[in-house]
Amino acid sequence: QVQLVESGGGLVQAGGSLRLSCQASGTAASIHPMSWFRQPPGKQREWVADITTAGRANYADSVKGRFTISRDNAKTTVYLQMNSLKPEDSAVYYCNAGGFIWGQGTLVTVSS
């Protein structure tokens, strides 16, 4: 069974950058498409980006051009590079594997 652990969240000023990591462990951790979701305070969880095992990426319109998702299959790690952060990017960010396995989340707070 795949387990996911996110890291890299924190407090950053608007315009700054953060890099989130999602370390996957367990059986066949490298074969799943991987996604990032986020849940702002008081709002529903929303999809941010995903990446196939071959490295094809897709992004929500709200982050396109600012965020980059990547994966290192050898390290079974997925990254989310977040640049030009805005206060509205503040949320708990969750990693997802295969559409059904979730990490515990990491908090990102962007101050104005």
PDB file of N, CA and C in Angstrom:
ATOM      1  N   GLN A   1       0.840  -1.180   0.000  1.00  0.00           N
ATOM      2  CA  GLN A   1       0.000   0.000   0.000  1.00  0.00           C
ATOM      3  C   GLN A   1       0.882   1.239   0.000  1.00  0.00           C
ATOM      4  N   VAL A   2       0.511   2.235  -0.822  1.00  0.00           N
ATOM      5  CA  VAL A   2       1.284   3.465  -0.926  1.00  0.00           C
ATOM      6  C   VAL A   2       0.937   4.398   0.218  1.00  0.00           C
ATOM      7  N   GLN A   3       1.955   5.003   0.796  1.00  0.00           N
ATOM      8  CA  GLN A   3       1.762   6.039   1.801  1.00  0.00           C
ATOM      9  C   GLN A   3       2.432   7.310   1.311  1.00  0.00           C
ATOM     10  N   LEU A   4       1.845   8.457   1.618  1.00  0.00           N
ATOM     11  CA  LEU A   4       2.327   9.744   1.135  1.00  0.00           C
ATOM     12  C   LEU A   4       2.617  10.676   2.307  1.00  0.00           C
ATOM     13  N   VAL A   5       3.760  11.360   2.229  1.00  0.00           N
ATOM     14  CA  VAL A   5       4.126  12.334   3.257  1.00  0.00           C
ATOM     15  C   VAL A   5       4.527  13.625   2.571  1.00  0.00           C
ATOM     16  N   GLU A   6       3.773  14.691   2.830  1.00  0.00           N
ATOM     17  CA  GLU A   6       4.072  16.002   2.252  1.00  0.00           C
ATOM     18  C   GLU A   6       4.992  16.785   3.186  1.00  0.00           C
ATOM     19  N   SER A   7       5.760  17.693   2.586  1.00  0.00           N
ATOM     20  CA  SER A   7       6.600  18.604   3.358  1.00  0.00           C
ATOM     21  C   SER A   7       6.852  19.857   2.522  1.00  0.00           C
ATOM     22  N   GLY A   8       7.382  20.877   3.179  1.00  0.00           N
ATOM     23  CA  GLY A   8       7.774  22.085   2.464  1.00  0.00           C
ATOM     24  C   GLY A   8       6.858  23.272   2.654  1.00  0.00           C
ATOM     25  N   GLY A   9       5.748  23.085   3.347  1.00  0.00           N
ATOM     26  CA  GLY A   9       4.860  24.202   3.578  1.00  0.00           C
ATOM     27  C   GLY A   9       5.458  25.198   4.556  1.00  0.00           C
ATOM     28  N   GLY A  10       4.816  26.344   4.670  1.00  0.00           N
ATOM     29  CA  GLY A  10       5.299  27.367   5.594  1.00  0.00           C
ATOM     30  C   GLY A  10       4.665  28.704   5.320  1.00  0.00           C
ATOM     31  N   LEU A  11       5.243  29.727   5.917  1.00  0.00           N
ATOM     32  CA  LEU A  11       4.770  31.100   5.772  1.00  0.00           C
ATOM     33  C   LEU A  11       5.683  31.848   4.807  1.00  0.00           C
ATOM     34  N   VAL A  12       5.089  32.510   3.835  1.00  0.00           N
ATOM     35  CA  VAL A  12       5.867  33.244   2.849  1.00  0.00           C
ATOM     36  C   VAL A  12       5.122  34.521   2.490  1.00  0.00           C
ATOM     37  N   GLN A  13       5.862  35.549   2.112  1.00  0.00           N
ATOM     38  CA  GLN A  13       5.227  36.790   1.685  1.00  0.00           C
ATOM     39  C   GLN A  13       4.726  36.674   0.252  1.00  0.00           C
ATOM     40  N   ALA A  14       3.729  37.461  -0.066  1.00  0.00           N
ATOM     41  CA  ALA A  14       3.213  37.495  -1.433  1.00  0.00           C
ATOM     42  C   ALA A  14       4.355  37.792  -2.406  1.00  0.00           C
ATOM     43  N   GLY A  15       4.350  37.061  -3.508  1.00  0.00           N
ATOM     44  CA  GLY A  15       5.414  37.183  -4.483  1.00  0.00           C
ATOM     45  C   GLY A  15       6.552  36.204  -4.282  1.00  0.00           C
ATOM     46  N   GLY A  16       6.556  35.540  -3.144  1.00  0.00           N
ATOM     47  CA  GLY A  16       7.616  34.597  -2.839  1.00  0.00           C
ATOM     48  C   GLY A  16       7.368  33.224  -3.431  1.00  0.00           C
ATOM     49  N   SER A  17       8.240  32.299  -3.072  1.00  0.00           N
ATOM     50  CA  SER A  17       8.192  30.940  -3.610  1.00  0.00           C
ATOM     51  C   SER A  17       8.301  29.903  -2.503  1.00  0.00           C
ATOM     52  N   LEU A  18       7.720  28.758  -2.769  1.00  0.00           N
ATOM     53  CA  LEU A  18       7.867  27.584  -1.916  1.00  0.00           C
ATOM     54  C   LEU A  18       7.930  26.355  -2.810  1.00  0.00           C
ATOM     55  N   ARG A  19       8.580  25.326  -2.311  1.00  0.00           N
ATOM     56  CA  ARG A  19       8.618  24.050  -3.027  1.00  0.00           C
ATOM     57  C   ARG A  19       8.097  22.968  -2.103  1.00  0.00           C
ATOM     58  N   LEU A  20       6.987  22.384  -2.491  1.00  0.00           N
ATOM     59  CA  LEU A  20       6.414  21.283  -1.731  1.00  0.00           C
ATOM     60  C   LEU A  20       6.949  19.956  -2.260  1.00  0.00           C
ATOM     61  N   SER A  21       7.100  19.011  -1.354  1.00  0.00           N
ATOM     62  CA  SER A  21       7.525  17.659  -1.731  1.00  0.00           C
ATOM     63  C   SER A  21       6.514  16.650  -1.212  1.00  0.00           C
ATOM     64  N   CYS A  22       6.365  15.577  -1.935  1.00  0.00           N
ATOM     65  CA  CYS A  22       5.493  14.475  -1.529  1.00  0.00           C
ATOM     66  C   CYS A  22       6.271  13.190  -1.730  1.00  0.00           C
ATOM     67  N   GLN A  23       6.656  12.587  -0.625  1.00  0.00           N
ATOM     68  CA  GLN A  23       7.422  11.352  -0.670  1.00  0.00           C
ATOM     69  C   GLN A  23       6.462  10.183  -0.593  1.00  0.00           C
ATOM     70  N   ALA A  24       6.518   9.316  -1.594  1.00  0.00           N
ATOM     71  CA  ALA A  24       5.663   8.139  -1.627  1.00  0.00           C
ATOM     72  C   ALA A  24       6.461   6.908  -1.233  1.00  0.00           C
ATOM     73  N   SER A  25       5.871   6.078  -0.415  1.00  0.00           N
ATOM     74  CA  SER A  25       6.518   4.834  -0.020  1.00  0.00           C
ATOM     75  C   SER A  25       5.510   3.703  -0.125  1.00  0.00           C
ATOM     76  N   GLY A  26       6.025   2.502  -0.242  1.00  0.00           N
ATOM     77  CA  GLY A  26       5.131   1.366  -0.330  1.00  0.00           C
ATOM     78  C   GLY A  26       5.158   0.725  -1.704  1.00  0.00           C
ATOM     79  N   THR A  27       4.320  -0.225  -1.867  1.00  0.00           N
ATOM     80  CA  THR A  27       4.292  -1.039  -3.078  1.00  0.00           C
ATOM     81  C   THR A  27       3.979  -0.212  -4.315  1.00  0.00           C
ATOM     82  N   ALA A  28       4.815  -0.335  -5.317  1.00  0.00           N
ATOM     83  CA  ALA A  28       4.566   0.278  -6.618  1.00  0.00           C
ATOM     84  C   ALA A  28       4.290   1.770  -6.522  1.00  0.00           C
ATOM     85  N   ALA A  29       5.051   2.454  -5.687  1.00  0.00           N
ATOM     86  CA  ALA A  29       4.786   3.878  -5.477  1.00  0.00           C
ATOM     87  C   ALA A  29       5.010   4.698  -6.727  1.00  0.00           C
ATOM     88  N   SER A  30       5.799   4.199  -7.665  1.00  0.00           N
ATOM     89  CA  SER A  30       6.147   5.012  -8.819  1.00  0.00           C
ATOM     90  C   SER A  30       5.186   4.862  -9.984  1.00  0.00           C
ATOM     91  N   ILE A  31       4.152   4.013  -9.856  1.00  0.00           N
ATOM     92  CA  ILE A  31       3.321   3.732 -11.028  1.00  0.00           C
ATOM     93  C   ILE A  31       2.037   4.524 -11.072  1.00  0.00           C
ATOM     94  N   HIS A  32       1.810   5.335 -10.053  1.00  0.00           N
ATOM     95  CA  HIS A  32       0.557   6.062 -10.006  1.00  0.00           C
ATOM     96  C   HIS A  32       0.689   7.448 -10.600  1.00  0.00           C
ATOM     97  N   PRO A  33      -0.336   7.922 -11.300  1.00  0.00           N
ATOM     98  CA  PRO A  33      -0.378   9.361 -11.578  1.00  0.00           C
ATOM     99  C   PRO A  33      -0.524  10.090 -10.244  1.00  0.00           C
ATOM    100  N   MET A  34       0.090  11.248 -10.167  1.00  0.00           N
ATOM    101  CA  MET A  34       0.134  11.977  -8.903  1.00  0.00           C
ATOM    102  C   MET A  34      -0.496  13.354  -9.069  1.00  0.00           C
ATOM    103  N   SER A  35      -1.104  13.830  -8.001  1.00  0.00           N
ATOM    104  CA  SER A  35      -1.787  15.114  -8.054  1.00  0.00           C
ATOM    105  C   SER A  35      -1.517  15.908  -6.792  1.00  0.00           C
ATOM    106  N   TRP A  36      -1.693  17.212  -6.915  1.00  0.00           N
ATOM    107  CA  TRP A  36      -1.744  18.103  -5.766  1.00  0.00           C
ATOM    108  C   TRP A  36      -3.140  18.725  -5.720  1.00  0.00           C
ATOM    109  N   PHE A  37      -3.683  18.758  -4.521  1.00  0.00           N
ATOM    110  CA  PHE A  37      -4.930  19.444  -4.246  1.00  0.00           C
ATOM    111  C   PHE A  37      -4.660  20.460  -3.135  1.00  0.00           C
ATOM    112  N   ARG A  38      -5.592  21.371  -2.942  1.00  0.00           N
ATOM    113  CA  ARG A  38      -5.476  22.293  -1.817  1.00  0.00           C
ATOM    114  C   ARG A  38      -6.860  22.608  -1.251  1.00  0.00           C
ATOM    115  N   GLN A  39      -6.867  22.941   0.017  1.00  0.00           N
ATOM    116  CA  GLN A  39      -8.112  23.294   0.681  1.00  0.00           C
ATOM    117  C   GLN A  39      -7.908  24.585   1.455  1.00  0.00           C
ATOM    118  N   PRO A  40      -8.401  25.697   0.911  1.00  0.00           N
ATOM    119  CA  PRO A  40      -8.306  26.964   1.634  1.00  0.00           C
ATOM    120  C   PRO A  40      -9.199  26.937   2.874  1.00  0.00           C
ATOM    121  N   PRO A  41      -8.935  27.783   3.840  1.00  0.00           N
ATOM    122  CA  PRO A  41      -9.746  27.810   5.068  1.00  0.00           C
ATOM    123  C   PRO A  41     -11.220  28.040   4.739  1.00  0.00           C
ATOM    124  N   GLY A  42     -12.077  27.163   5.249  1.00  0.00           N
ATOM    125  CA  GLY A  42     -13.506  27.315   5.074  1.00  0.00           C
ATOM    126  C   GLY A  42     -14.033  26.991   3.690  1.00  0.00           C
ATOM    127  N   LYS A  43     -13.172  26.440   2.832  1.00  0.00           N
ATOM    128  CA  LYS A  43     -13.603  26.135   1.473  1.00  0.00           C
ATOM    129  C   LYS A  43     -13.389  24.661   1.158  1.00  0.00           C
ATOM    130  N   GLN A  44     -13.910  24.245   0.012  1.00  0.00           N
ATOM    131  CA  GLN A  44     -13.761  22.852  -0.393  1.00  0.00           C
ATOM    132  C   GLN A  44     -12.377  22.594  -0.975  1.00  0.00           C
ATOM    133  N   ARG A  45     -11.993  21.348  -0.927  1.00  0.00           N
ATOM    134  CA  ARG A  45     -10.727  20.954  -1.523  1.00  0.00           C
ATOM    135  C   ARG A  45     -10.816  21.093  -3.038  1.00  0.00           C
ATOM    136  N   GLU A  46      -9.756  21.594  -3.645  1.00  0.00           N
ATOM    137  CA  GLU A  46      -9.735  21.797  -5.087  1.00  0.00           C
ATOM    138  C   GLU A  46      -8.458  21.244  -5.700  1.00  0.00           C
ATOM    139  N   TRP A  47      -8.598  20.806  -6.926  1.00  0.00           N
ATOM    140  CA  TRP A  47      -7.463  20.263  -7.665  1.00  0.00           C
ATOM    141  C   TRP A  47      -6.540  21.395  -8.094  1.00  0.00           C
ATOM    142  N   VAL A  48      -5.232  21.160  -8.000  1.00  0.00           N
ATOM    143  CA  VAL A  48      -4.246  22.148  -8.379  1.00  0.00           C
ATOM    144  C   VAL A  48      -3.482  21.731  -9.633  1.00  0.00           C
ATOM    145  N   ALA A  49      -2.958  20.507  -9.610  1.00  0.00           N
ATOM    146  CA  ALA A  49      -2.139  20.038 -10.729  1.00  0.00           C
ATOM    147  C   ALA A  49      -2.016  18.529 -10.648  1.00  0.00           C
ATOM    148  N   ASP A  50      -1.713  17.911 -11.788  1.00  0.00           N
ATOM    149  CA  ASP A  50      -1.416  16.488 -11.768  1.00  0.00           C
ATOM    150  C   ASP A  50      -0.348  16.163 -12.796  1.00  0.00           C
ATOM    151  N   ILE A  51       0.233  14.973 -12.635  1.00  0.00           N
ATOM    152  CA  ILE A  51       1.306  14.558 -13.535  1.00  0.00           C
ATOM    153  C   ILE A  51       1.218  13.053 -13.734  1.00  0.00           C
ATOM    154  N   THR A  52       1.336  12.628 -14.982  1.00  0.00           N
ATOM    155  CA  THR A  52       1.285  11.203 -15.282  1.00  0.00           C
ATOM    156  C   THR A  52       2.628  10.560 -14.971  1.00  0.00           C
ATOM    157  N   THR A  53       2.667   9.243 -15.049  1.00  0.00           N
ATOM    158  CA  THR A  53       3.921   8.544 -14.817  1.00  0.00           C
ATOM    159  C   THR A  53       4.958   8.895 -15.893  1.00  0.00           C
ATOM    160  N   ALA A  54       4.468   9.320 -17.047  1.00  0.00           N
ATOM    161  CA  ALA A  54       5.381   9.709 -18.124  1.00  0.00           C
ATOM    162  C   ALA A  54       5.815  11.163 -18.026  1.00  0.00           C
ATOM    163  N   GLY A  55       5.247  11.889 -17.068  1.00  0.00           N
ATOM    164  CA  GLY A  55       5.671  13.271 -16.861  1.00  0.00           C
ATOM    165  C   GLY A  55       4.798  14.334 -17.495  1.00  0.00           C
ATOM    166  N   ARG A  56       3.645  13.937 -18.020  1.00  0.00           N
ATOM    167  CA  ARG A  56       2.744  14.932 -18.611  1.00  0.00           C
ATOM    168  C   ARG A  56       1.972  15.631 -17.502  1.00  0.00           C
ATOM    169  N   ALA A  57       2.000  16.957 -17.514  1.00  0.00           N
ATOM    170  CA  ALA A  57       1.419  17.746 -16.433  1.00  0.00           C
ATOM    171  C   ALA A  57       0.203  18.535 -16.890  1.00  0.00           C
ATOM    172  N   ASN A  58      -0.701  18.755 -15.938  1.00  0.00           N
ATOM    173  CA  ASN A  58      -1.874  19.588 -16.162  1.00  0.00           C
ATOM    174  C   ASN A  58      -2.049  20.496 -14.956  1.00  0.00           C
ATOM    175  N   TYR A  59      -2.601  21.688 -15.185  1.00  0.00           N
ATOM    176  CA  TYR A  59      -2.712  22.674 -14.124  1.00  0.00           C
ATOM    177  C   TYR A  59      -4.092  23.325 -14.105  1.00  0.00           C
ATOM    178  N   ALA A  60      -4.511  23.682 -12.912  1.00  0.00           N
ATOM    179  CA  ALA A  60      -5.698  24.518 -12.790  1.00  0.00           C
ATOM    180  C   ALA A  60      -5.372  25.905 -13.340  1.00  0.00           C
ATOM    181  N   ASP A  61      -6.368  26.562 -13.889  1.00  0.00           N
ATOM    182  CA  ASP A  61      -6.145  27.878 -14.474  1.00  0.00           C
ATOM    183  C   ASP A  61      -5.589  28.863 -13.447  1.00  0.00           C
ATOM    184  N   SER A  62      -5.991  28.714 -12.208  1.00  0.00           N
ATOM    185  CA  SER A  62      -5.586  29.664 -11.173  1.00  0.00           C
ATOM    186  C   SER A  62      -4.093  29.616 -10.863  1.00  0.00           C
ATOM    187  N   VAL A  63      -3.418  28.530 -11.229  1.00  0.00           N
ATOM    188  CA  VAL A  63      -1.989  28.396 -10.915  1.00  0.00           C
ATOM    189  C   VAL A  63      -1.125  28.274 -12.153  1.00  0.00           C
ATOM    190  N   LYS A  64      -1.752  28.180 -13.315  1.00  0.00           N
ATOM    191  CA  LYS A  64      -0.994  27.985 -14.556  1.00  0.00           C
ATOM    192  C   LYS A  64      -0.012  29.134 -14.763  1.00  0.00           C
ATOM    193  N   GLY A  65       1.223  28.775 -15.080  1.00  0.00           N
ATOM    194  CA  GLY A  65       2.261  29.788 -15.280  1.00  0.00           C
ATOM    195  C   GLY A  65       2.999  30.170 -14.019  1.00  0.00           C
ATOM    196  N   ARG A  66       2.478  29.772 -12.861  1.00  0.00           N
ATOM    197  CA  ARG A  66       3.135  30.092 -11.586  1.00  0.00           C
ATOM    198  C   ARG A  66       3.622  28.845 -10.862  1.00  0.00           C
ATOM    199  N   PHE A  67       2.893  27.752 -11.001  1.00  0.00           N
ATOM    200  CA  PHE A  67       3.238  26.497 -10.328  1.00  0.00           C
ATOM    201  C   PHE A  67       3.767  25.488 -11.341  1.00  0.00           C
ATOM    202  N   THR A  68       4.683  24.648 -10.889  1.00  0.00           N
ATOM    203  CA  THR A  68       5.211  23.577 -11.726  1.00  0.00           C
ATOM    204  C   THR A  68       5.235  22.285 -10.928  1.00  0.00           C
ATOM    205  N   ILE A  69       4.593  21.265 -11.478  1.00  0.00           N
ATOM    206  CA  ILE A  69       4.618  19.944 -10.858  1.00  0.00           C
ATOM    207  C   ILE A  69       5.651  19.079 -11.566  1.00  0.00           C
ATOM    208  N   SER A  70       6.373  18.295 -10.803  1.00  0.00           N
ATOM    209  CA  SER A  70       7.362  17.397 -11.391  1.00  0.00           C
ATOM    210  C   SER A  70       7.457  16.152 -10.519  1.00  0.00           C
ATOM    211  N   ARG A  71       8.083  15.130 -11.069  1.00  0.00           N
ATOM    212  CA  ARG A  71       8.222  13.908 -10.288  1.00  0.00           C
ATOM    213  C   ARG A  71       9.565  13.263 -10.571  1.00  0.00           C
ATOM    214  N   ASP A  72      10.062  12.606  -9.576  1.00  0.00           N
ATOM    215  CA  ASP A  72      11.297  11.843  -9.676  1.00  0.00           C
ATOM    216  C   ASP A  72      10.924  10.401  -9.358  1.00  0.00           C
ATOM    217  N   ASN A  73      10.721   9.604 -10.385  1.00  0.00           N
ATOM    218  CA  ASN A  73      10.251   8.239 -10.165  1.00  0.00           C
ATOM    219  C   ASN A  73      11.270   7.393  -9.404  1.00  0.00           C
ATOM    220  N   ALA A  74      12.544   7.692  -9.591  1.00  0.00           N
ATOM    221  CA  ALA A  74      13.572   6.927  -8.873  1.00  0.00           C
ATOM    222  C   ALA A  74      13.472   7.179  -7.377  1.00  0.00           C
ATOM    223  N   LYS A  75      13.127   8.419  -7.020  1.00  0.00           N
ATOM    224  CA  LYS A  75      12.995   8.759  -5.604  1.00  0.00           C
ATOM    225  C   LYS A  75      11.552   8.663  -5.134  1.00  0.00           C
ATOM    226  N   THR A  76      10.658   8.300  -6.062  1.00  0.00           N
ATOM    227  CA  THR A  76       9.213   8.238  -5.781  1.00  0.00           C
ATOM    228  C   THR A  76       8.759   9.495  -5.061  1.00  0.00           C
ATOM    229  N   THR A  77       9.175  10.630  -5.599  1.00  0.00           N
ATOM    230  CA  THR A  77       8.832  11.924  -5.007  1.00  0.00           C
ATOM    231  C   THR A  77       8.205  12.815  -6.057  1.00  0.00           C
ATOM    232  N   VAL A  78       7.190  13.539  -5.639  1.00  0.00           N
ATOM    233  CA  VAL A  78       6.545  14.518  -6.500  1.00  0.00           C
ATOM    234  C   VAL A  78       6.740  15.889  -5.867  1.00  0.00           C
ATOM    235  N   TYR A  79       7.010  16.871  -6.699  1.00  0.00           N
ATOM    236  CA  TYR A  79       7.259  18.227  -6.226  1.00  0.00           C
ATOM    237  C   TYR A  79       6.207  19.185  -6.780  1.00  0.00           C
ATOM    238  N   LEU A  80       6.004  20.253  -6.048  1.00  0.00           N
ATOM    239  CA  LEU A  80       5.195  21.364  -6.545  1.00  0.00           C
ATOM    240  C   LEU A  80       5.965  22.643  -6.266  1.00  0.00           C
ATOM    241  N   GLN A  81       6.540  23.195  -7.318  1.00  0.00           N
ATOM    242  CA  GLN A  81       7.249  24.466  -7.210  1.00  0.00           C
ATOM    243  C   GLN A  81       6.231  25.577  -7.374  1.00  0.00           C
ATOM    244  N   MET A  82       6.128  26.421  -6.375  1.00  0.00           N
ATOM    245  CA  MET A  82       5.133  27.490  -6.385  1.00  0.00           C
ATOM    246  C   MET A  82       5.845  28.840  -6.375  1.00  0.00           C
ATOM    247  N   ASN A  83       5.665  29.582  -7.436  1.00  0.00           N
ATOM    248  CA  ASN A  83       6.271  30.905  -7.571  1.00  0.00           C
ATOM    249  C   ASN A  83       5.189  31.974  -7.627  1.00  0.00           C
ATOM    250  N   SER A  84       5.603  33.209  -7.418  1.00  0.00           N
ATOM    251  CA  SER A  84       4.679  34.354  -7.472  1.00  0.00           C
ATOM    252  C   SER A  84       3.434  34.081  -6.630  1.00  0.00           C
ATOM    253  N   LEU A  85       3.661  33.644  -5.416  1.00  0.00           N
ATOM    254  CA  LEU A  85       2.545  33.255  -4.561  1.00  0.00           C
ATOM    255  C   LEU A  85       1.677  34.451  -4.196  1.00  0.00           C
ATOM    256  N   LYS A  86       0.385  34.171  -4.069  1.00  0.00           N
ATOM    257  CA  LYS A  86      -0.610  35.169  -3.727  1.00  0.00           C
ATOM    258  C   LYS A  86      -1.305  34.770  -2.426  1.00  0.00           C
ATOM    259  N   PRO A  87      -1.869  35.718  -1.710  1.00  0.00           N
ATOM    260  CA  PRO A  87      -2.587  35.362  -0.482  1.00  0.00           C
ATOM    261  C   PRO A  87      -3.674  34.312  -0.719  1.00  0.00           C
ATOM    262  N   GLU A  88      -4.291  34.342  -1.882  1.00  0.00           N
ATOM    263  CA  GLU A  88      -5.349  33.363  -2.170  1.00  0.00           C
ATOM    264  C   GLU A  88      -4.819  31.962  -2.419  1.00  0.00           C
ATOM    265  N   ASP A  89      -3.494  31.800  -2.467  1.00  0.00           N
ATOM    266  CA  ASP A  89      -2.906  30.463  -2.549  1.00  0.00           C
ATOM    267  C   ASP A  89      -2.797  29.813  -1.171  1.00  0.00           C
ATOM    268  N   SER A  90      -3.086  30.558  -0.126  1.00  0.00           N
ATOM    269  CA  SER A  90      -3.016  30.004   1.231  1.00  0.00           C
ATOM    270  C   SER A  90      -4.004  28.856   1.375  1.00  0.00           C
ATOM    271  N   ALA A  91      -3.509  27.729   1.842  1.00  0.00           N
ATOM    272  CA  ALA A  91      -4.342  26.526   1.952  1.00  0.00           C
ATOM    273  C   ALA A  91      -3.514  25.400   2.559  1.00  0.00           C
ATOM    274  N   VAL A  92      -4.203  24.338   2.914  1.00  0.00           N
ATOM    275  CA  VAL A  92      -3.509  23.081   3.192  1.00  0.00           C
ATOM    276  C   VAL A  92      -3.387  22.353   1.857  1.00  0.00           C
ATOM    277  N   TYR A  93      -2.179  21.991   1.508  1.00  0.00           N
ATOM    278  CA  TYR A  93      -1.905  21.319   0.247  1.00  0.00           C
ATOM    279  C   TYR A  93      -1.755  19.821   0.491  1.00  0.00           C
ATOM    280  N   TYR A  94      -2.463  19.055  -0.326  1.00  0.00           N
ATOM    281  CA  TYR A  94      -2.488  17.604  -0.189  1.00  0.00           C
ATOM    282  C   TYR A  94      -1.937  16.938  -1.444  1.00  0.00           C
ATOM    283  N   CYS A  95      -1.192  15.899  -1.235  1.00  0.00           N
ATOM    284  CA  CYS A  95      -0.705  15.056  -2.314  1.00  0.00           C
ATOM    285  C   CYS A  95      -1.666  13.882  -2.479  1.00  0.00           C
ATOM    286  N   ASN A  96      -1.849  13.466  -3.716  1.00  0.00           N
ATOM    287  CA  ASN A  96      -2.752  12.358  -4.000  1.00  0.00           C
ATOM    288  C   ASN A  96      -2.109  11.419  -5.013  1.00  0.00           C
ATOM    289  N   ALA A  97      -2.257  10.123  -4.762  1.00  0.00           N
ATOM    290  CA  ALA A  97      -1.729   9.114  -5.675  1.00  0.00           C
ATOM    291  C   ALA A  97      -2.857   8.279  -6.251  1.00  0.00           C
ATOM    292  N   GLY A  98      -2.908   8.195  -7.535  1.00  0.00           N
ATOM    293  CA  GLY A  98      -3.868   7.324  -8.199  1.00  0.00           C
ATOM    294  C   GLY A  98      -5.320   7.711  -8.011  1.00  0.00           C
ATOM    295  N   GLY A  99      -5.558   8.858  -7.451  1.00  0.00           N
ATOM    296  CA  GLY A  99      -6.927   9.328  -7.248  1.00  0.00           C
ATOM    297  C   GLY A  99      -7.576   8.861  -5.962  1.00  0.00           C
ATOM    298  N   PHE A 100      -6.874   8.018  -5.185  1.00  0.00           N
ATOM    299  CA  PHE A 100      -7.544   7.482  -4.005  1.00  0.00           C
ATOM    300  C   PHE A 100      -6.675   7.419  -2.757  1.00  0.00           C
ATOM    301  N   ILE A 101      -5.404   7.784  -2.842  1.00  0.00           N
ATOM    302  CA  ILE A 101      -4.522   7.760  -1.675  1.00  0.00           C
ATOM    303  C   ILE A 101      -4.117   9.188  -1.356  1.00  0.00           C
ATOM    304  N   TRP A 102      -4.278   9.607  -0.114  1.00  0.00           N
ATOM    305  CA  TRP A 102      -4.024  10.980   0.297  1.00  0.00           C
ATOM    306  C   TRP A 102      -2.925  11.046   1.345  1.00  0.00           C
ATOM    307  N   GLY A 103      -2.161  12.145   1.280  1.00  0.00           N
ATOM    308  CA  GLY A 103      -1.242  12.449   2.350  1.00  0.00           C
ATOM    309  C   GLY A 103      -1.966  13.219   3.444  1.00  0.00           C
ATOM    310  N   GLN A 104      -1.187  13.636   4.456  1.00  0.00           N
ATOM    311  CA  GLN A 104      -1.785  14.315   5.607  1.00  0.00           C
ATOM    312  C   GLN A 104      -1.909  15.824   5.391  1.00  0.00           C
ATOM    313  N   GLY A 105      -1.236  16.332   4.384  1.00  0.00           N
ATOM    314  CA  GLY A 105      -1.326  17.751   4.064  1.00  0.00           C
ATOM    315  C   GLY A 105      -0.206  18.568   4.676  1.00  0.00           C
ATOM    316  N   THR A 106       0.100  19.688   4.021  1.00  0.00           N
ATOM    317  CA  THR A 106       1.072  20.639   4.532  1.00  0.00           C
ATOM    318  C   THR A 106       0.510  22.043   4.336  1.00  0.00           C
ATOM    319  N   LEU A 107       0.652  22.886   5.351  1.00  0.00           N
ATOM    320  CA  LEU A 107       0.020  24.205   5.349  1.00  0.00           C
ATOM    321  C   LEU A 107       0.900  25.242   4.666  1.00  0.00           C
ATOM    322  N   VAL A 108       0.305  25.961   3.749  1.00  0.00           N
ATOM    323  CA  VAL A 108       0.959  27.090   3.079  1.00  0.00           C
ATOM    324  C   VAL A 108       0.188  28.358   3.427  1.00  0.00           C
ATOM    325  N   THR A 109       0.908  29.331   3.953  1.00  0.00           N
ATOM    326  CA  THR A 109       0.296  30.615   4.289  1.00  0.00           C
ATOM    327  C   THR A 109       1.052  31.718   3.570  1.00  0.00           C
ATOM    328  N   VAL A 110       0.327  32.506   2.783  1.00  0.00           N
ATOM    329  CA  VAL A 110       0.936  33.596   2.029  1.00  0.00           C
ATOM    330  C   VAL A 110       0.414  34.907   2.599  1.00  0.00           C
ATOM    331  N   SER A 111       1.321  35.711   3.122  1.00  0.00           N
ATOM    332  CA  SER A 111       0.925  36.980   3.721  1.00  0.00           C
ATOM    333  C   SER A 111       0.988  38.102   2.686  1.00  0.00           C
ATOM    334  N   SER A 112       0.104  39.056   2.840  1.00  0.00           N
ATOM    335  CA  SER A 112       0.056  40.175   1.882  1.00  0.00           C
ATOM    336  C   SER A 112       0.954  41.314   2.303  1.00  0.00           C
TER     337      SER A 112
END
